[in-house]
């Protein structure tokens, strides 16, 4: 029999994670009359954004970056900075009067007692909390992912994940290899090259789809062309890149062969918006090289056999959602550890358990936070109409 709940949050719905998706979901649930508590493991809302590198700016326009019910301030400008976005999230909490319980780690989610009107138990170090519904919003970028390259432990230089990178200052005069040519990797490489790094290389496994920064409004194009055939959209995107981005093949970065729509559908990868990377490659300040194969003491060996000896390797190699500890026992994850269903959909074996923030649509991740939040609120409202929820009686 499940343990008796110990903490009284007096709310039937628990949202796990106080990032954009969790905040948007809580705001929409509150608006629909569903009292909601957000549990956040860190000491502030938007903590993952506050920990990003200093010079980060959103790759989406202000209108597609704001959450439901609060416009982005005009003074944030056309490309919202990290600090401005963190302030916006904090203002969002205050504006919507969201109940965020910080420094509250959620260890796992379990099913409650069969037939109970509180079908979920959310376990924290202080005890379990009964919930009538749960929204998991810990996000796709929960845990930094560093590939287990052969010989990695023998590397005598410095190896960090891009999550640990803050500014270019510590890398002045250093020989740096950035691994990964996504938005973070290309932006970090370009900034390092312009801020005094002795040499900057970028290891590329698959040539990225690159668009000019001014093309951030391609998110709107993505929404307008969703119904068109994938092959047509890919051909159009490749033609756009040919017209807007110079050919960097002679500099070691060939044009992509796969369109951005297919890459997004297959791998969940979005195109790179150019923040100075193209000019840095054209001028030779950033040198594209082959993918990393192995490490050997002070050397990094590439897929083409080249040996490099960088002082520092920055792995811009993405993140894992890391949901196994949280919901792994419930049978809701696929082989890659991603939720089998997301947004307003719930798994037949897990009614009233929602996952928000686990897709990477071309229409914009932050815009998707609002889309999913509204849909989850509507879905739970329909569910309550069929089988009304009761606030669980929690004990001190």
Protein backbone atom coordinates (compact mmCIF):
# COMPACT_ATOMS: atom_id res chain seq x y z
CA UNK A 1 0.00 0.00 0.00
CA UNK A 2 1.37 3.47 -0.87
CA UNK A 3 2.66 5.53 2.08
CA UNK A 4 0.45 8.17 3.60
CA UNK A 5 1.16 11.60 2.04
CA UNK A 6 3.11 13.84 4.39
CA UNK A 7 3.15 17.31 2.82
CA UNK A 8 0.09 19.50 2.53
CA UNK A 9 0.23 21.63 -0.59
CA UNK A 10 -3.58 21.82 -0.72
CA UNK A 11 -3.53 21.43 -4.50
CA UNK A 12 -4.64 18.52 -6.63
CA UNK A 13 -2.29 19.35 -9.52
CA UNK A 14 1.49 19.30 -9.24
CA UNK A 15 3.78 20.76 -11.91
CA UNK A 16 7.38 19.57 -11.75
CA UNK A 17 9.85 22.19 -12.99
CA UNK A 18 9.73 26.00 -12.97
CA UNK A 19 11.07 26.60 -16.46
CA UNK A 20 9.00 28.17 -19.27
CA UNK A 21 6.88 25.06 -19.88
CA UNK A 22 6.14 24.51 -16.20
CA UNK A 23 5.31 28.16 -15.56
CA UNK A 24 3.05 28.38 -18.62
CA UNK A 25 1.23 25.17 -17.66
CA UNK A 26 0.67 26.36 -14.09
CA UNK A 27 -0.63 29.75 -15.28
CA UNK A 28 -3.12 28.15 -17.65
CA UNK A 29 -4.24 25.58 -15.07
CA UNK A 30 -4.79 28.31 -12.48
CA UNK A 31 -6.73 30.33 -15.02
CA UNK A 32 -9.00 27.35 -15.67
CA UNK A 33 -9.74 27.07 -11.95
CA UNK A 34 -7.30 24.29 -11.15
CA UNK A 35 -5.20 25.12 -8.05
CA UNK A 36 -1.61 24.26 -8.92
CA UNK A 37 1.73 24.03 -7.15
CA UNK A 38 5.08 24.04 -8.94
CA UNK A 39 7.92 22.02 -7.42
CA UNK A 40 11.37 23.27 -8.44
CA UNK A 41 14.61 21.56 -7.42
CA UNK A 42 16.75 24.73 -7.58
CA UNK A 43 16.45 27.93 -5.58
CA UNK A 44 14.65 30.03 -8.22
CA UNK A 45 12.28 29.90 -11.15
CA UNK A 46 14.03 29.80 -14.52
CA UNK A 47 17.24 28.51 -12.95
CA UNK A 48 18.35 26.59 -16.03
CA UNK A 49 18.19 29.79 -18.09
CA UNK A 50 20.06 31.78 -15.45
CA UNK A 51 22.91 29.26 -15.72
CA UNK A 52 23.37 29.62 -19.49
CA UNK A 53 26.36 31.48 -20.92
CA UNK A 54 26.51 35.25 -20.43
CA UNK A 55 26.20 36.32 -24.08
CA UNK A 56 23.22 34.09 -24.93
CA UNK A 57 20.35 35.69 -26.81
CA UNK A 58 17.14 33.97 -27.81
CA UNK A 59 16.98 32.69 -31.36
CA UNK A 60 13.28 33.51 -31.57
CA UNK A 61 11.58 36.89 -31.84
CA UNK A 62 9.99 38.42 -28.71
CA UNK A 63 6.48 37.61 -29.93
CA UNK A 64 7.29 33.92 -30.30
CA UNK A 65 9.25 33.79 -27.03
CA UNK A 66 6.63 35.13 -24.62
CA UNK A 67 4.41 32.90 -22.50
CA UNK A 68 0.59 33.08 -22.31
CA UNK A 69 -0.79 36.08 -20.51
CA UNK A 70 2.28 38.33 -20.39
CA UNK A 71 3.90 40.21 -23.31
CA UNK A 72 7.66 40.44 -23.58
CA UNK A 73 8.80 43.95 -22.52
CA UNK A 74 9.71 46.21 -25.43
CA UNK A 75 12.95 47.23 -23.78
CA UNK A 76 14.19 43.64 -24.18
CA UNK A 77 14.78 44.45 -27.85
CA UNK A 78 14.50 42.24 -30.94
CA UNK A 79 16.91 39.60 -29.60
CA UNK A 80 16.17 38.95 -25.94
CA UNK A 81 19.24 38.44 -23.75
CA UNK A 82 19.62 35.73 -21.14
CA UNK A 83 19.28 38.16 -18.24
CA UNK A 84 16.22 39.85 -19.72
CA UNK A 85 14.57 36.48 -20.26
CA UNK A 86 15.27 35.38 -16.69
CA UNK A 87 13.75 38.63 -15.43
CA UNK A 88 10.75 38.00 -17.66
CA UNK A 89 10.25 34.52 -16.13
CA UNK A 90 10.48 35.96 -12.61
CA UNK A 91 7.95 38.65 -13.55
CA UNK A 92 5.73 35.92 -15.00
CA UNK A 93 5.67 34.14 -11.62
CA UNK A 94 4.67 37.35 -9.83
CA UNK A 95 2.20 38.47 -12.51
CA UNK A 96 0.27 35.18 -12.42
CA UNK A 97 0.80 34.68 -8.67
CA UNK A 98 2.19 31.23 -9.22
CA UNK A 99 2.89 29.03 -6.23
CA UNK A 100 6.49 27.94 -6.78
CA UNK A 101 8.07 25.77 -4.08
CA UNK A 102 11.81 26.09 -4.64
CA UNK A 103 14.55 23.74 -3.36
CA UNK A 104 12.03 20.90 -3.57
CA UNK A 105 13.50 17.89 -5.32
CA UNK A 106 11.06 15.40 -6.84
CA UNK A 107 12.57 11.93 -6.60
CA UNK A 108 9.96 9.84 -8.40
CA UNK A 109 6.31 9.61 -9.33
CA UNK A 110 4.26 6.56 -8.39
CA UNK A 111 0.68 5.51 -8.87
CA UNK A 112 -1.57 6.12 -5.91
CA UNK A 113 -4.02 3.73 -4.39
CA UNK A 114 -6.22 2.08 -7.07
CA UNK A 115 -9.56 3.88 -7.38
CA UNK A 116 -8.30 6.92 -5.51
CA UNK A 117 -9.32 10.39 -6.64
CA UNK A 118 -5.66 11.33 -6.15
CA UNK A 119 -4.11 8.82 -8.56
CA UNK A 120 -0.51 10.00 -8.20
CA UNK A 121 2.09 10.21 -5.45
CA UNK A 122 4.90 12.67 -6.00
CA UNK A 123 7.84 11.69 -3.80
CA UNK A 124 10.11 14.35 -2.28
CA UNK A 125 12.79 14.02 0.45
CA UNK A 126 10.24 15.42 2.92
CA UNK A 127 7.66 12.77 2.02
CA UNK A 128 5.12 11.93 -0.70
CA UNK A 129 2.49 14.36 -1.97
CA UNK A 130 -0.87 13.15 -3.27
CA UNK A 131 -1.91 14.71 -6.58
CA UNK A 132 -4.98 14.47 -8.74
CA UNK A 133 -2.90 15.36 -11.80
CA UNK A 134 0.79 15.83 -12.57
CA UNK A 135 2.56 17.83 -15.28
CA UNK A 136 6.20 16.80 -15.77
CA UNK A 137 8.06 19.84 -17.15
CA UNK A 138 11.70 19.13 -16.33
CA UNK A 139 12.50 19.52 -20.04
CA UNK A 140 14.58 18.04 -22.82
CA UNK A 141 17.70 19.88 -21.64
CA UNK A 142 17.79 18.49 -18.13
CA UNK A 143 21.18 16.74 -17.99
CA UNK A 144 24.29 17.63 -20.03
CA UNK A 145 25.29 14.84 -22.40
CA UNK A 146 29.00 14.21 -22.98
CA UNK A 147 29.65 11.27 -25.34
CA UNK A 148 31.66 8.39 -23.89
CA UNK A 149 34.49 8.81 -26.37
CA UNK A 150 37.16 6.08 -26.20
CA UNK A 151 40.12 7.33 -24.16
CA UNK A 152 38.18 10.27 -22.76
CA UNK A 153 39.50 9.62 -19.26
CA UNK A 154 43.10 9.86 -20.50
CA UNK A 155 42.72 13.41 -21.83
CA UNK A 156 45.22 15.66 -20.08
CA UNK A 157 43.64 18.92 -21.26
CA UNK A 158 40.41 20.43 -19.98
CA UNK A 159 37.10 18.91 -21.08
CA UNK A 160 33.86 20.73 -20.23
CA UNK A 161 30.30 20.58 -21.46
CA UNK A 162 28.86 23.75 -22.95
CA UNK A 163 26.56 23.90 -19.90
CA UNK A 164 29.68 24.79 -17.88
CA UNK A 165 30.78 27.52 -20.30
CA UNK A 166 29.93 31.04 -19.12
CA UNK A 167 32.04 33.56 -21.05
CA UNK A 168 35.05 33.69 -23.40
CA UNK A 169 37.30 35.35 -20.82
CA UNK A 170 38.96 32.17 -19.41
CA UNK A 171 39.83 31.02 -22.94
CA UNK A 172 41.91 33.99 -24.07
CA UNK A 173 45.20 32.76 -25.49
CA UNK A 174 43.97 29.16 -25.43
CA UNK A 175 43.72 26.55 -28.15
CA UNK A 176 40.07 25.46 -28.08
CA UNK A 177 38.18 22.67 -29.83
CA UNK A 178 34.39 23.05 -29.79
CA UNK A 179 32.57 19.78 -30.50
CA UNK A 180 29.15 20.09 -32.10
CA UNK A 181 27.83 22.47 -34.74
CA UNK A 182 24.40 23.29 -33.35
CA UNK A 183 23.28 26.73 -32.24
CA UNK A 184 25.26 26.66 -28.99
CA UNK A 185 28.44 25.25 -30.51
CA UNK A 186 28.56 27.65 -33.45
CA UNK A 187 27.78 30.66 -31.27
CA UNK A 188 30.40 29.75 -28.67
CA UNK A 189 33.03 29.14 -31.36
CA UNK A 190 32.35 32.50 -33.04
CA UNK A 191 32.49 34.41 -29.74
CA UNK A 192 35.72 32.69 -28.66
CA UNK A 193 37.34 33.52 -32.00
CA UNK A 194 36.48 37.17 -31.58
CA UNK A 195 37.48 37.42 -27.93
CA UNK A 196 41.13 36.45 -27.94
CA UNK A 197 41.28 32.66 -28.10
CA UNK A 198 44.57 31.66 -29.77
CA UNK A 199 42.94 29.09 -32.06
CA UNK A 200 39.37 27.86 -32.40
CA UNK A 201 38.33 24.70 -34.20
CA UNK A 202 34.86 23.19 -34.40
CA UNK A 203 34.36 19.45 -34.86
CA UNK A 204 31.45 18.76 -37.21
CA UNK A 205 29.79 15.38 -37.62
CA UNK A 206 26.92 16.51 -39.87
CA UNK A 207 27.00 19.83 -41.75
CA UNK A 208 24.33 22.04 -40.18
CA UNK A 209 21.52 23.84 -41.94
CA UNK A 210 22.48 27.50 -41.50
CA UNK A 211 20.17 30.47 -41.91
CA UNK A 212 20.90 34.18 -41.44
CA UNK A 213 20.02 35.51 -38.02
CA UNK A 214 17.41 37.74 -39.66
CA UNK A 215 15.62 34.54 -40.68
CA UNK A 216 14.41 33.97 -37.11
CA UNK A 217 10.94 34.57 -38.49
CA UNK A 218 11.27 31.22 -40.27
CA UNK A 219 9.30 29.91 -37.27
CA UNK A 220 6.27 31.59 -38.83
CA UNK A 221 7.12 29.95 -42.16
CA UNK A 222 7.27 26.62 -40.36
CA UNK A 223 3.73 27.12 -39.09
CA UNK A 224 2.41 28.19 -42.50
CA UNK A 225 3.99 25.29 -44.40
CA UNK A 226 3.24 22.42 -42.02
CA UNK A 227 0.62 20.95 -44.36
CA UNK A 228 2.93 20.92 -47.41
CA UNK A 229 4.91 17.81 -48.46
CA UNK A 230 8.16 17.31 -46.56
CA UNK A 231 10.22 16.96 -49.75
CA UNK A 232 8.94 20.30 -51.07
CA UNK A 233 9.76 22.07 -47.80
CA UNK A 234 13.26 20.54 -47.76
CA UNK A 235 14.01 21.63 -51.33
CA UNK A 236 12.82 25.14 -50.55
CA UNK A 237 14.92 25.33 -47.38
CA UNK A 238 18.07 24.12 -49.17
CA UNK A 239 17.52 26.68 -51.94
CA UNK A 240 17.08 29.43 -49.34
CA UNK A 241 20.37 28.46 -47.73
CA UNK A 242 22.18 28.52 -51.08
CA UNK A 243 20.91 32.01 -51.77
CA UNK A 244 21.44 33.44 -48.27
CA UNK A 245 24.57 31.68 -46.96
CA UNK A 246 27.92 31.55 -48.79
CA UNK A 247 29.44 28.19 -49.68
CA UNK A 248 31.96 27.26 -46.98
CA UNK A 249 33.09 23.98 -48.57
CA UNK A 250 36.59 25.32 -49.24
CA UNK A 251 36.85 26.15 -45.54
CA UNK A 252 35.97 22.61 -44.52
CA UNK A 253 32.22 23.00 -44.02
CA UNK A 254 30.28 21.59 -47.00
CA UNK A 255 26.67 22.44 -47.65
CA UNK A 256 24.14 20.11 -45.97
CA UNK A 257 22.55 17.43 -48.10
CA UNK A 258 19.54 16.94 -45.86
CA UNK A 259 16.87 19.62 -45.58
CA UNK A 260 16.14 21.22 -42.23
CA UNK A 261 12.60 19.81 -42.09
CA UNK A 262 13.79 16.21 -42.47
CA UNK A 263 16.53 16.71 -39.88
CA UNK A 264 14.00 18.10 -37.45
CA UNK A 265 11.60 15.20 -38.07
CA UNK A 266 14.31 12.54 -37.72
CA UNK A 267 16.58 13.98 -35.06
CA UNK A 268 14.69 16.84 -33.41
CA UNK A 269 17.40 19.22 -34.66
CA UNK A 270 16.69 22.84 -35.56
CA UNK A 271 18.71 24.93 -38.04
CA UNK A 272 21.57 27.13 -36.89
CA UNK A 273 20.83 30.86 -36.88
CA UNK A 274 24.05 32.64 -37.78
CA UNK A 275 25.41 34.83 -34.97
CA UNK A 276 28.72 35.59 -36.69
CA UNK A 277 29.73 31.99 -37.26
CA UNK A 278 29.73 32.19 -41.07
CA UNK A 279 32.04 35.21 -41.13
CA UNK A 280 34.31 33.57 -38.56
CA UNK A 281 34.65 30.49 -40.77
CA UNK A 282 35.13 32.52 -43.96
CA UNK A 283 37.91 34.54 -42.34
CA UNK A 284 39.62 31.44 -40.92
CA UNK A 285 39.12 32.50 -37.31
CA UNK A 286 37.04 29.32 -36.77
CA UNK A 287 38.29 26.15 -38.46
CA UNK A 288 35.81 23.32 -39.11
CA UNK A 289 37.36 19.86 -38.65
CA UNK A 290 36.11 16.27 -38.74
CA UNK A 291 34.13 14.65 -35.93
CA UNK A 292 35.88 13.51 -32.75
CA UNK A 293 36.78 9.82 -32.78
CA UNK A 294 38.93 9.16 -29.68
CA UNK A 295 41.13 10.79 -27.05
CA UNK A 296 44.74 9.80 -26.45
CA UNK A 297 46.42 11.60 -23.57
CA UNK A 298 46.89 15.20 -24.70
CA UNK A 299 45.58 14.48 -28.20
CA UNK A 300 42.16 14.38 -29.78
CA UNK A 301 41.95 12.04 -32.78
CA UNK A 302 39.40 12.93 -35.43
CA UNK A 303 37.42 10.66 -37.74
CA UNK A 304 39.77 11.46 -40.64
CA UNK A 305 42.82 10.47 -38.59
CA UNK A 306 43.96 14.02 -37.79
CA UNK A 307 45.52 14.53 -34.37
CA UNK A 308 44.85 17.77 -32.50
CA UNK A 309 46.29 18.95 -29.21
CA UNK A 310 43.85 21.52 -27.80
CA UNK A 311 44.15 23.06 -24.36
CA UNK A 312 40.39 22.85 -23.89
CA UNK A 313 37.56 20.84 -25.43
CA UNK A 314 34.06 22.30 -25.08
CA UNK A 315 31.46 19.63 -25.78
CA UNK A 316 28.38 21.33 -27.24
CA UNK A 317 26.86 17.88 -27.55
CA UNK A 318 23.36 18.42 -26.25
CA UNK A 319 21.39 17.19 -23.27
CA UNK A 320 19.32 14.26 -22.05
CA UNK A 321 15.86 14.51 -20.53
CA UNK A 322 16.89 12.00 -17.81
CA UNK A 323 13.37 10.90 -16.92
CA UNK A 324 14.17 7.33 -15.88
CA UNK A 325 14.46 8.01 -12.14
CA UNK A 326 11.32 10.11 -12.21
CA UNK A 327 8.92 7.91 -14.21
CA UNK A 328 10.98 4.97 -15.46
CA UNK A 329 8.98 2.42 -13.47
CA UNK A 330 5.70 3.50 -15.11
CA UNK A 331 6.42 2.21 -18.63
CA UNK A 332 5.94 5.63 -20.24
CA UNK A 333 9.32 6.10 -21.96
CA UNK A 334 10.64 4.95 -25.32
CA UNK A 335 14.07 3.39 -25.95
CA UNK A 336 15.67 6.83 -26.07
CA UNK A 337 14.18 7.74 -22.68
CA UNK A 338 11.66 10.18 -24.16
CA UNK A 339 7.95 10.21 -23.23
CA UNK A 340 5.77 8.01 -25.43
CA UNK A 341 3.19 10.81 -25.47
CA UNK A 342 3.54 14.52 -24.80
CA UNK A 343 1.53 17.70 -24.47
CA UNK A 344 -2.18 17.20 -23.87
CA UNK A 345 -2.01 13.49 -24.65
CA UNK A 346 -1.79 11.03 -21.80
CA UNK A 347 -0.80 7.39 -21.94
CA UNK A 348 -3.71 4.95 -21.43
CA UNK A 349 -1.84 3.51 -18.46
CA UNK A 350 -1.25 6.94 -16.90
CA UNK A 351 -4.31 9.21 -17.02
CA UNK A 352 -3.79 12.76 -15.73
CA UNK A 353 -0.01 12.53 -16.10
CA UNK A 354 1.22 15.01 -18.73
CA UNK A 355 4.64 15.78 -20.21
CA UNK A 356 5.36 19.37 -21.31
CA UNK A 357 8.50 20.53 -23.09
CA UNK A 358 9.79 17.34 -24.70
CA UNK A 359 9.57 18.31 -28.37
CA UNK A 360 11.69 20.67 -30.46
CA UNK A 361 9.35 21.96 -33.16
CA UNK A 362 10.41 24.21 -36.00
CA UNK A 363 7.62 26.54 -34.94
CA UNK A 364 9.62 27.48 -31.81
CA UNK A 365 10.17 25.78 -28.45
CA UNK A 366 9.06 28.76 -26.35
CA UNK A 367 5.95 29.29 -28.45
CA UNK A 368 5.25 25.57 -27.95
CA UNK A 369 5.24 26.11 -24.18
CA UNK A 370 2.06 28.17 -24.55
CA UNK A 371 0.52 25.76 -27.05
CA UNK A 372 1.03 22.79 -24.76
CA UNK A 373 -0.03 24.69 -21.62
CA UNK A 374 -3.37 25.68 -23.10
CA UNK A 375 -3.96 22.17 -24.45
CA UNK A 376 -3.15 20.52 -21.10
CA UNK A 377 -5.50 22.88 -19.25
CA UNK A 378 -8.30 22.07 -21.71
CA UNK A 379 -7.63 18.33 -21.49
CA UNK A 380 -7.68 18.31 -17.70
CA UNK A 381 -10.84 20.39 -17.68
CA UNK A 382 -12.51 17.80 -19.92
CA UNK A 383 -11.21 15.01 -17.72
CA UNK A 384 -12.62 16.67 -14.62
CA UNK A 385 -15.99 17.10 -16.32
CA UNK A 386 -16.09 13.35 -16.92
CA UNK A 387 -14.82 12.39 -13.47
CA UNK A 388 -14.56 15.35 -11.05
CA UNK A 389 -11.39 15.60 -9.03
CA UNK A 390 -11.37 16.06 -5.29
CA UNK A 391 -8.65 17.86 -3.41
CA UNK A 392 -6.84 15.04 -1.60
CA UNK A 393 -6.84 15.12 2.16
CA UNK A 394 -3.17 15.48 3.02
CA UNK A 395 -1.74 15.01 6.45
CA UNK A 396 0.93 16.97 8.28
